[in-house]
Protein backbone atom coordinates (compact mmCIF):
# COMPACT_ATOMS: atom_id res chain seq x y z
CA MET A 1 -13.50 -17.71 -51.50
CA ILE A 2 -11.16 -14.80 -50.68
CA LEU A 3 -13.04 -11.59 -49.89
CA SER A 4 -11.47 -8.17 -50.52
CA VAL A 5 -12.83 -4.90 -49.11
CA THR A 6 -11.57 -1.71 -50.80
CA PRO A 7 -12.94 1.53 -49.33
CA ASN A 8 -11.02 3.85 -51.70
CA SER A 9 -11.30 2.15 -55.08
CA THR A 10 -8.61 3.05 -57.60
CA ILE A 11 -7.29 2.18 -61.02
CA ASP A 12 -3.84 3.03 -62.36
CA TRP A 13 -3.01 4.65 -65.69
CA THR A 14 0.71 4.40 -66.33
CA ILE A 15 2.09 6.63 -69.10
CA PHE A 16 5.60 6.02 -70.46
CA LEU A 17 7.32 9.16 -71.76
CA PRO A 18 10.54 9.32 -73.81
CA TYR A 19 11.47 12.33 -71.64
CA PHE A 20 9.69 14.98 -69.55
CA ARG A 21 9.87 18.76 -69.94
CA TRP A 22 7.59 21.42 -68.55
CA ASN A 23 5.61 23.52 -71.10
CA GLU A 24 6.01 20.99 -73.93
CA THR A 25 3.69 18.59 -75.73
CA ILE A 26 5.19 15.14 -75.19
CA ARG A 27 3.89 12.04 -76.97
CA SER A 28 3.96 8.89 -74.89
CA THR A 29 5.62 5.69 -76.06
CA ASN A 30 3.04 3.55 -74.27
CA ALA A 31 0.18 3.72 -71.75
CA VAL A 32 -1.33 0.86 -69.77
CA TRP A 33 -4.20 0.40 -67.31
CA GLY A 34 -3.80 -1.54 -64.09
CA MET A 35 -5.62 -2.31 -60.87
CA ALA A 36 -4.85 -0.40 -57.65
CA GLY A 37 -6.39 0.11 -54.21
CA LYS A 38 -4.55 -2.74 -52.49
CA PRO A 39 -7.40 -5.19 -51.65
CA ALA A 40 -8.98 -5.02 -55.13
CA ASP A 41 -5.47 -5.46 -56.54
CA ALA A 42 -5.19 -8.69 -54.54
CA SER A 43 -8.51 -9.92 -55.99
CA TRP A 44 -7.31 -9.02 -59.49
CA VAL A 45 -4.22 -11.21 -59.06
CA LEU A 46 -6.16 -14.03 -57.36
CA GLY A 47 -8.71 -14.05 -60.19
CA GLU A 48 -5.91 -14.27 -62.76
CA LEU A 49 -4.53 -17.27 -60.82
CA GLY A 50 -7.91 -19.00 -60.85
CA VAL A 51 -8.65 -18.49 -57.14
CA GLU A 52 -12.29 -17.76 -56.27
CA THR A 53 -12.53 -14.20 -54.99
CA LEU A 54 -15.17 -11.56 -54.32
CA ALA A 55 -14.28 -7.85 -54.45
CA THR A 56 -16.42 -5.33 -52.59
CA GLY A 57 -16.01 -1.79 -51.33
CA PHE A 58 -17.00 1.63 -52.67
CA ASP A 59 -17.08 2.41 -56.39
CA ALA A 60 -18.35 5.31 -58.48
CA GLY A 61 -18.65 6.83 -61.95
CA ALA A 62 -17.25 5.83 -65.31
CA SER A 63 -13.88 4.94 -63.83
CA GLY A 64 -15.68 2.69 -61.35
CA GLU A 65 -17.42 0.92 -64.22
CA LYS A 66 -14.04 0.40 -65.87
CA MET A 67 -12.64 -1.01 -62.62
CA VAL A 68 -15.48 -3.54 -62.36
CA GLU A 69 -14.98 -4.53 -66.00
CA MET A 70 -11.24 -5.05 -65.41
CA LEU A 71 -11.94 -7.26 -62.39
CA GLU A 72 -14.66 -9.31 -64.04
CA THR A 73 -12.51 -10.03 -67.10
CA ARG A 74 -10.20 -11.85 -64.65
CA ASN A 75 -13.07 -13.91 -63.21
CA VAL A 76 -13.44 -11.79 -60.07
CA GLU A 77 -16.94 -11.65 -58.58
CA THR A 78 -17.84 -8.04 -57.72
CA ASP A 79 -20.39 -6.51 -55.34
CA PHE A 80 -19.46 -2.86 -54.83
CA VAL A 81 -21.58 -0.17 -53.19
CA TRP A 82 -21.96 2.66 -55.69
CA THR A 83 -21.40 6.11 -54.23
CA GLY A 84 -21.08 9.70 -55.40
CA GLY A 85 -18.05 11.15 -57.13
CA GLU A 86 -15.65 8.94 -59.10
CA THR A 87 -13.38 5.99 -58.44
CA ARG A 88 -9.87 7.45 -58.36
CA ILE A 89 -7.55 7.28 -61.35
CA ASN A 90 -3.91 7.33 -60.29
CA VAL A 91 -1.75 8.65 -63.11
CA HIS A 92 1.82 7.31 -63.08
CA LEU A 93 4.33 9.17 -65.25
CA VAL A 94 7.47 7.27 -66.19
CA ASP A 95 10.34 9.32 -67.65
CA GLN A 96 12.34 6.81 -69.71
CA GLU A 97 15.17 9.27 -70.24
CA SER A 98 15.99 9.81 -66.56
CA GLY A 99 14.42 6.65 -65.12
CA GLY A 100 12.33 8.78 -62.74
CA GLN A 101 8.64 8.47 -62.12
CA SER A 102 5.85 10.37 -60.38
CA LEU A 103 2.35 9.56 -59.19
CA LEU A 104 -0.56 12.00 -59.55
CA ALA A 105 -3.49 11.14 -57.24
CA VAL A 106 -6.76 12.96 -56.54
CA ASP A 107 -9.36 12.08 -53.88
CA THR A 108 -12.62 11.79 -55.85
CA LEU A 109 -14.98 9.36 -54.04
CA VAL A 110 -17.93 10.83 -52.11
CA VAL A 111 -19.06 8.34 -49.45
CA GLU A 112 -22.11 9.00 -47.26
CA PRO A 113 -22.99 7.21 -43.99
CA THR A 114 -25.75 5.30 -45.79
CA HIS A 115 -23.14 3.90 -48.22
CA VAL A 116 -21.05 2.69 -45.28
CA GLU A 117 -23.98 0.84 -43.72
CA LYS A 118 -24.85 -0.76 -47.07
CA LEU A 119 -21.29 -2.04 -47.35
CA PHE A 120 -21.37 -3.60 -43.89
CA LEU A 121 -24.63 -5.37 -44.73
CA ARG A 122 -22.93 -6.85 -47.82
CA LEU A 123 -19.91 -7.76 -45.73
CA GLU A 124 -22.06 -9.68 -43.25
CA LYS A 125 -23.72 -11.50 -46.14
CA ALA A 126 -20.41 -12.46 -47.79
CA LEU A 127 -18.37 -13.49 -44.74
CA PRO A 128 -19.96 -16.95 -44.25
CA ARG A 129 -18.53 -17.88 -47.68
CA ALA A 130 -15.08 -16.41 -47.05
CA LYS A 131 -11.94 -18.34 -46.17
CA ALA A 132 -9.99 -15.10 -45.66
CA LEU A 133 -10.47 -11.34 -45.96
CA VAL A 134 -8.07 -8.76 -47.42
CA THR A 135 -8.55 -5.08 -46.62
CA GLY A 136 -6.52 -1.89 -46.42
CA GLY A 137 -5.31 0.90 -48.62
CA SER A 138 -6.47 4.43 -47.89
CA LEU A 139 -9.86 5.94 -47.03
CA PRO A 140 -11.71 8.64 -48.95
CA GLY A 141 -11.13 12.02 -47.30
CA CYS A 142 -14.70 12.13 -46.03
CA MET A 143 -14.07 8.93 -43.98
CA ARG A 144 -10.69 9.84 -42.50
CA ASP A 145 -11.64 9.38 -38.81
CA SER A 146 -14.38 6.79 -39.16
CA GLY A 147 -12.75 3.72 -37.55
CA PHE A 148 -13.73 1.86 -40.70
CA PHE A 149 -10.89 -0.68 -40.76
CA GLN A 150 -11.32 -1.59 -37.10
CA ARG A 151 -14.96 -2.39 -37.77
CA VAL A 152 -14.18 -4.52 -40.83
CA ILE A 153 -11.56 -6.51 -38.93
CA LEU A 154 -13.73 -7.05 -35.85
CA ILE A 155 -16.71 -8.25 -37.90
CA ALA A 156 -14.48 -10.70 -39.78
CA LYS A 157 -13.12 -12.01 -36.49
CA GLU A 158 -16.67 -12.53 -35.22
CA HIS A 159 -17.11 -14.85 -38.23
CA GLU A 160 -13.73 -16.51 -37.49
CA VAL A 161 -12.36 -15.31 -40.84
CA PRO A 162 -8.61 -14.47 -40.87
CA VAL A 163 -7.75 -10.94 -42.00
CA ALA A 164 -4.78 -9.62 -43.98
CA PHE A 165 -4.48 -5.85 -43.48
CA ASP A 166 -2.23 -3.53 -45.52
CA SER A 167 -2.51 0.21 -44.94
CA SER A 168 -0.47 3.29 -44.01
CA PRO A 169 -0.56 5.62 -41.00
CA PRO A 170 -2.81 6.69 -39.41
CA HIS A 171 -5.07 3.84 -40.52
CA LEU A 172 -2.43 1.16 -39.99
CA GLY A 173 -2.16 1.84 -36.26
CA SER A 174 -5.90 2.17 -35.84
CA GLY A 175 -6.63 -1.09 -37.64
CA LEU A 176 -3.89 -2.91 -35.73
CA GLU A 177 -5.81 -2.23 -32.51
CA ALA A 178 -8.42 -4.72 -33.78
CA ARG A 179 -5.68 -7.38 -34.04
CA PRO A 180 -5.88 -8.59 -37.65
CA THR A 181 -4.26 -11.92 -38.49
CA VAL A 182 -1.52 -10.38 -40.68
CA ILE A 183 -0.27 -6.88 -41.41
CA LYS A 184 2.08 -5.97 -44.28
CA PRO A 185 3.92 -2.69 -43.55
CA ASN A 186 6.88 -1.41 -45.50
CA ARG A 187 10.02 -0.27 -43.68
CA ALA A 188 8.80 3.32 -43.13
CA GLU A 189 5.38 2.19 -41.94
CA LEU A 190 6.89 -0.27 -39.43
CA ALA A 191 9.23 2.45 -38.14
CA GLY A 192 6.22 4.70 -37.69
CA LEU A 193 4.37 2.04 -35.72
CA VAL A 194 7.22 1.52 -33.24
CA GLY A 195 8.33 5.16 -33.13
CA ARG A 196 12.02 4.70 -33.95
CA LYS A 197 14.39 4.43 -36.91
CA LEU A 198 15.04 0.94 -38.29
CA LYS A 199 18.21 0.16 -40.23
CA THR A 200 19.53 -3.35 -39.62
CA LEU A 201 17.80 -6.69 -40.05
CA GLU A 202 17.89 -7.03 -36.25
CA ASP A 203 16.10 -3.68 -35.91
CA PHE A 204 13.30 -4.88 -38.15
CA TYR A 205 13.08 -8.24 -36.41
CA PHE A 206 12.75 -6.84 -32.89
CA ALA A 207 10.25 -4.19 -34.04
CA ALA A 208 8.08 -6.81 -35.75
CA ARG A 209 8.51 -9.19 -32.81
CA GLY A 210 7.36 -6.54 -30.37
CA ILE A 211 4.18 -5.87 -32.34
CA MET A 212 3.47 -9.59 -32.70
CA GLU A 213 3.89 -10.20 -28.97
CA LYS A 214 1.48 -7.35 -28.10
CA THR A 215 -1.20 -8.19 -30.67
CA SER A 216 -0.67 -11.83 -31.80
CA THR A 217 -0.62 -10.37 -35.32
CA THR A 218 1.86 -11.81 -37.81
CA VAL A 219 4.02 -9.02 -39.25
CA VAL A 220 5.29 -9.24 -42.83
CA VAL A 221 7.55 -6.27 -43.51
CA THR A 222 9.08 -5.36 -46.87
CA MET A 223 12.57 -3.85 -46.48
CA ASP A 224 13.53 -2.79 -50.03
CA GLU A 225 17.02 -4.13 -50.85
CA GLN A 226 17.02 -6.10 -47.59
CA GLY A 227 14.15 -8.25 -48.81
CA LEU A 228 11.17 -9.36 -46.76
CA LEU A 229 10.84 -10.46 -43.14
CA ALA A 230 7.88 -12.37 -41.69
CA VAL A 231 7.51 -12.78 -37.93
CA SER A 232 4.78 -15.01 -36.46
CA GLU A 233 4.24 -16.61 -33.05
CA GLU A 234 5.79 -19.88 -34.27
CA LYS A 235 8.57 -18.90 -36.65
CA SER A 236 10.30 -16.12 -38.53
CA TRP A 237 11.35 -16.11 -42.19
CA ARG A 238 13.51 -13.83 -44.30
CA VAL A 239 13.19 -13.72 -48.09
CA PRO A 240 16.18 -11.99 -49.78
CA ALA A 241 15.47 -9.36 -52.41
CA LEU A 242 15.55 -10.58 -55.99
CA GLU A 243 18.76 -9.57 -57.76
CA ILE A 244 18.08 -8.12 -61.20
């Protein structure tokens, strides 16, 4: 079983517009729901592929109920801690005339210390079944400095469960201190970790290599048109970007 831990649960609502103008009523050409909040998104895909997976984290409100329904329709087992507020709805606007798009996001979860402790009790219960753990994304504003990801990673390591961690600064650097098995930064996030600009493939390689040598963490960095680079203790791989 693959366990996912999503502290800032989210679903996406993507609205396709023929064009966008301020101060007009614009009728969409289509609108679709999708999963977000990176770890839960991973469970959603794994469930669709027929892989046993359990999604946990914080969830709330009517949008949280919709999120659970979306996961369970794809055969994902769920065990969320219900909190105050609402699971976030990210609204993506796609302007089909210009090809541009924008994301509207609001922080709406209200997580109390008692909710956090409930989640860690569920985590301890689930880890003996887990072959791997996926965590990351953002934190609700009320948890910004909690050290949450470090704690998740360290508990998983105590159970000898490998951890894939995908987040953004400042949480990426904080979680990396716990030495997860794999991190998945994008080019900007990797540059932020090493404190310098990265342009060439060699730049990315030596930045990822430096992090791996310090932490024993495999680094998988996405580099936009330059594709993907994975650097582990044993080998390195580059996957070219798909040409469309």
